[in-house]
Each structure stands twice: as structure tokens, then as C-alpha cells.
N, C-alpha and C. Protein backbone atom coordinates (compact mmCIF):
# COMPACT_ATOMS: atom_id res chain seq x y z
N MET A 1 46.41 -7.98 -4.55
CA MET A 1 46.30 -8.80 -5.64
C MET A 1 46.73 -9.92 -5.09
N THR A 2 46.85 -11.13 -6.45
CA THR A 2 47.23 -11.88 -6.73
C THR A 2 48.27 -12.17 -7.76
N LYS A 3 48.80 -12.17 -7.21
CA LYS A 3 49.96 -12.63 -8.65
C LYS A 3 50.26 -14.17 -8.36
N VAL A 4 50.71 -14.31 -9.50
CA VAL A 4 50.63 -15.78 -9.70
C VAL A 4 52.18 -16.08 -10.99
N ILE A 5 53.50 -16.93 -10.55
CA ILE A 5 54.43 -16.77 -10.93
C ILE A 5 54.01 -18.26 -12.67
N VAL A 6 54.11 -17.89 -13.93
CA VAL A 6 54.42 -18.56 -15.22
C VAL A 6 55.48 -19.91 -15.62
N ARG A 7 55.36 -20.68 -14.56
CA ARG A 7 55.93 -21.81 -14.78
C ARG A 7 56.69 -22.62 -16.04
N ASN A 8 58.09 -22.58 -17.13
CA ASN A 8 58.15 -23.80 -17.75
C ASN A 8 56.53 -22.64 -19.09
N GLY A 9 56.06 -21.67 -19.59
CA GLY A 9 55.85 -21.61 -19.86
C GLY A 9 53.45 -21.63 -20.12
N ASN A 10 53.14 -22.31 -18.81
CA ASN A 10 52.49 -23.59 -18.59
C ASN A 10 52.02 -21.82 -18.20
N VAL A 11 51.04 -21.42 -18.92
CA VAL A 11 50.48 -20.58 -19.17
C VAL A 11 48.72 -21.41 -17.66
N GLU A 12 48.21 -22.23 -18.95
CA GLU A 12 46.97 -22.64 -18.35
C GLU A 12 46.76 -23.19 -16.71
N GLY A 13 47.76 -23.09 -15.70
CA GLY A 13 48.17 -24.26 -14.85
C GLY A 13 48.10 -22.74 -14.23
N ALA A 14 48.61 -21.67 -14.73
CA ALA A 14 49.46 -20.08 -14.19
C ALA A 14 47.40 -19.69 -13.53
N LEU A 15 45.77 -20.15 -14.96
CA LEU A 15 45.34 -19.41 -15.20
C LEU A 15 44.00 -20.09 -13.69
N ARG A 16 44.63 -21.68 -13.63
CA ARG A 16 43.51 -22.90 -13.18
C ARG A 16 44.36 -22.17 -11.05
N THR A 17 44.90 -21.66 -11.18
CA THR A 17 45.90 -21.58 -9.37
C THR A 17 45.19 -19.99 -9.97
N VAL A 18 45.12 -18.93 -10.53
CA VAL A 18 44.46 -18.02 -10.11
C VAL A 18 43.28 -17.89 -9.51
N LYS A 19 42.17 -18.68 -10.54
CA LYS A 19 40.81 -18.70 -10.37
C LYS A 19 40.54 -19.26 -9.82
N GLN A 20 41.01 -19.97 -9.27
CA GLN A 20 41.44 -20.91 -7.58
C GLN A 20 41.61 -19.80 -6.12
N ARG A 21 42.63 -19.16 -6.58
CA ARG A 21 43.03 -18.64 -5.15
C ARG A 21 41.93 -16.97 -5.32
N ASN A 22 41.26 -16.93 -7.18
CA ASN A 22 40.37 -15.81 -6.24
C ASN A 22 39.11 -16.52 -5.38
N ALA A 23 39.00 -17.17 -5.94
CA ALA A 23 37.37 -18.88 -5.30
C ALA A 23 37.57 -18.40 -3.57
N LYS A 24 39.13 -18.77 -3.08
CA LYS A 24 39.00 -18.76 -1.56
C LYS A 24 39.69 -17.76 -1.48
N ASP A 25 39.55 -16.45 -1.46
CA ASP A 25 39.64 -15.22 -1.74
C ASP A 25 38.27 -14.16 -1.12
N GLY A 26 37.52 -14.17 -2.34
CA GLY A 26 35.09 -14.30 -2.66
C GLY A 26 35.79 -12.98 -2.62
N LEU A 27 36.54 -13.15 -3.58
CA LEU A 27 36.69 -11.92 -4.88
C LEU A 27 35.95 -11.31 -5.65
N LEU A 28 35.50 -12.73 -6.41
CA LEU A 28 34.45 -12.70 -7.67
C LEU A 28 32.76 -12.25 -6.90
N LYS A 29 32.54 -13.09 -5.37
CA LYS A 29 31.63 -12.76 -4.69
C LYS A 29 31.03 -11.31 -4.32
N ALA A 30 32.44 -10.52 -4.35
CA ALA A 30 32.69 -9.64 -3.76
C ALA A 30 31.74 -8.11 -5.01
N VAL A 31 32.76 -8.66 -5.49
CA VAL A 31 31.56 -7.68 -6.63
C VAL A 31 31.22 -7.54 -7.09
N ARG A 32 30.66 -9.21 -7.25
CA ARG A 32 28.59 -8.77 -8.05
C ARG A 32 28.52 -8.10 -6.36
N ASP A 33 29.00 -9.06 -4.66
CA ASP A 33 27.28 -8.12 -4.37
C ASP A 33 26.90 -6.50 -4.37
N ARG A 34 28.11 -6.24 -4.32
CA ARG A 34 28.37 -4.46 -5.10
C ARG A 34 27.72 -4.06 -5.54
N GLN A 35 27.65 -4.37 -7.10
CA GLN A 35 26.93 -4.66 -8.24
C GLN A 35 25.20 -4.08 -8.52
N GLU A 36 25.32 -5.22 -6.85
CA GLU A 36 23.76 -5.72 -6.49
C GLU A 36 23.67 -4.48 -6.64
N GLY A 37 23.77 -2.98 -5.78
CA GLY A 37 23.29 -2.61 -5.51
C GLY A 37 23.00 -2.72 -4.06
N TYR A 38 22.03 -1.80 -3.95
CA TYR A 38 21.18 -1.28 -2.24
C TYR A 38 19.38 -2.71 -1.93
N MET A 39 20.06 -3.30 -0.96
CA MET A 39 19.03 -4.65 -0.80
C MET A 39 18.36 -4.50 0.91
N LYS A 40 17.11 -4.98 0.73
CA LYS A 40 16.27 -4.46 2.28
C LYS A 40 16.92 -5.95 3.00
N PRO A 41 16.28 -4.58 4.49
CA PRO A 41 17.43 -5.49 5.30
C PRO A 41 17.17 -6.44 5.64
N GLY A 42 15.67 -7.74 5.48
CA GLY A 42 14.98 -8.80 5.51
C GLY A 42 15.95 -9.72 4.19
N VAL A 43 16.22 -9.00 3.12
CA VAL A 43 16.47 -10.46 1.93
C VAL A 43 18.03 -9.99 3.02
N LYS A 44 18.71 -8.85 3.17
CA LYS A 44 20.55 -9.23 3.85
C LYS A 44 19.86 -10.74 4.57
N ARG A 45 19.22 -10.89 5.25
CA ARG A 45 18.98 -11.62 6.92
C ARG A 45 18.52 -12.28 5.48
N ARG A 46 17.82 -13.19 5.55
CA ARG A 46 17.80 -13.97 4.43
C ARG A 46 18.75 -14.91 3.85
N LEU A 47 19.38 -14.32 2.72
CA LEU A 47 20.82 -14.43 2.40
C LEU A 47 21.58 -15.24 3.15
N ALA A 48 21.42 -14.28 3.88
CA ALA A 48 23.11 -15.10 5.14
C ALA A 48 22.56 -15.74 5.55
N LYS A 49 20.74 -16.28 6.32
CA LYS A 49 20.74 -17.06 6.43
C LYS A 49 21.15 -18.66 5.69
N LYS A 50 20.53 -18.73 4.63
CA LYS A 50 20.39 -19.63 3.28
C LYS A 50 22.30 -19.77 3.14
N GLU A 51 23.11 -18.76 3.35
CA GLU A 51 25.27 -18.78 3.70
C GLU A 51 24.75 -19.63 4.27
N ALA A 52 24.43 -18.91 4.70
CA ALA A 52 25.16 -20.45 6.73
C ALA A 52 24.11 -21.74 6.72
N ILE A 53 23.24 -22.04 6.52
CA ILE A 53 22.73 -23.21 6.16
C ILE A 53 23.64 -24.23 5.47
N LYS A 54 24.26 -23.62 4.25
CA LYS A 54 24.83 -23.71 3.14
C LYS A 54 26.60 -24.36 3.29
N ASN A 55 27.40 -23.46 4.37
CA ASN A 55 27.95 -23.74 4.40
C ASN A 55 28.26 -24.30 5.90
N ALA A 56 26.31 -24.59 7.42
CA ALA A 56 26.96 -26.00 7.84
C ALA A 56 27.18 -27.20 7.37
N ARG A 57 25.84 -27.36 6.51
CA ARG A 57 25.40 -28.09 5.42
C ARG A 57 26.87 -28.73 4.84
N ARG A 58 27.91 -27.56 4.43
CA ARG A 58 29.41 -28.13 4.35
C ARG A 58 30.42 -28.49 5.10
N ARG A 59 29.92 -28.31 5.88
CA ARG A 59 31.24 -28.60 7.62
C ARG A 59 30.56 -30.52 7.79
N ASN A 60 29.16 -29.73 7.77
CA ASN A 60 28.68 -31.39 8.71
C ASN A 60 29.89 -32.44 6.67
N ARG A 61 29.32 -32.90 6.13
CA ARG A 61 29.78 -32.46 4.77
C ARG A 61 31.84 -33.80 5.46
N ARG A 62 31.84 -32.59 5.31
CA ARG A 62 33.38 -33.11 5.79
C ARG A 62 34.31 -33.29 6.67
N GLU A 63 33.50 -33.41 8.31
CA GLU A 63 34.05 -33.81 9.11
C GLU A 63 33.05 -35.37 9.20
N SER A 64 32.48 -35.23 8.52
CA SER A 64 31.74 -37.41 8.17
C SER A 64 32.54 -37.62 7.18
């Protein structure tokens, strides 16, 4: 459970922090994956490969 302290009545800043932490934890992605239901093994492999390619490109951009 993500907890954020609202300081000086800055609700917008606290909301932004919650969204960033949830994105970093992958919480929303995990919920979406569970809602989709059963996926064929080939489809899982295809998505995993696509995700790996995307992550590799990100890593290369950060290193450059």
C-alpha cells in the first residue's frame, strides 16, 4: 500500500507522487494483466519479447 503525506494542503503534489509511485511499482499494469484473463502461451511469449525489446531500447537511450 502506497502512503503519501499531504504537506501544506498540497493535494495535487501528493496525487502526482502517488501516481508516480504506482507507475514505478507496476501496480496498474499488474491489475490490467489480471483482468485480461487467460492468454495462450504463444501470445505471452510474443508480448514478453516485445516488452524486452522496448526495455532494451530504453536502456540504450539512457546509456547514450
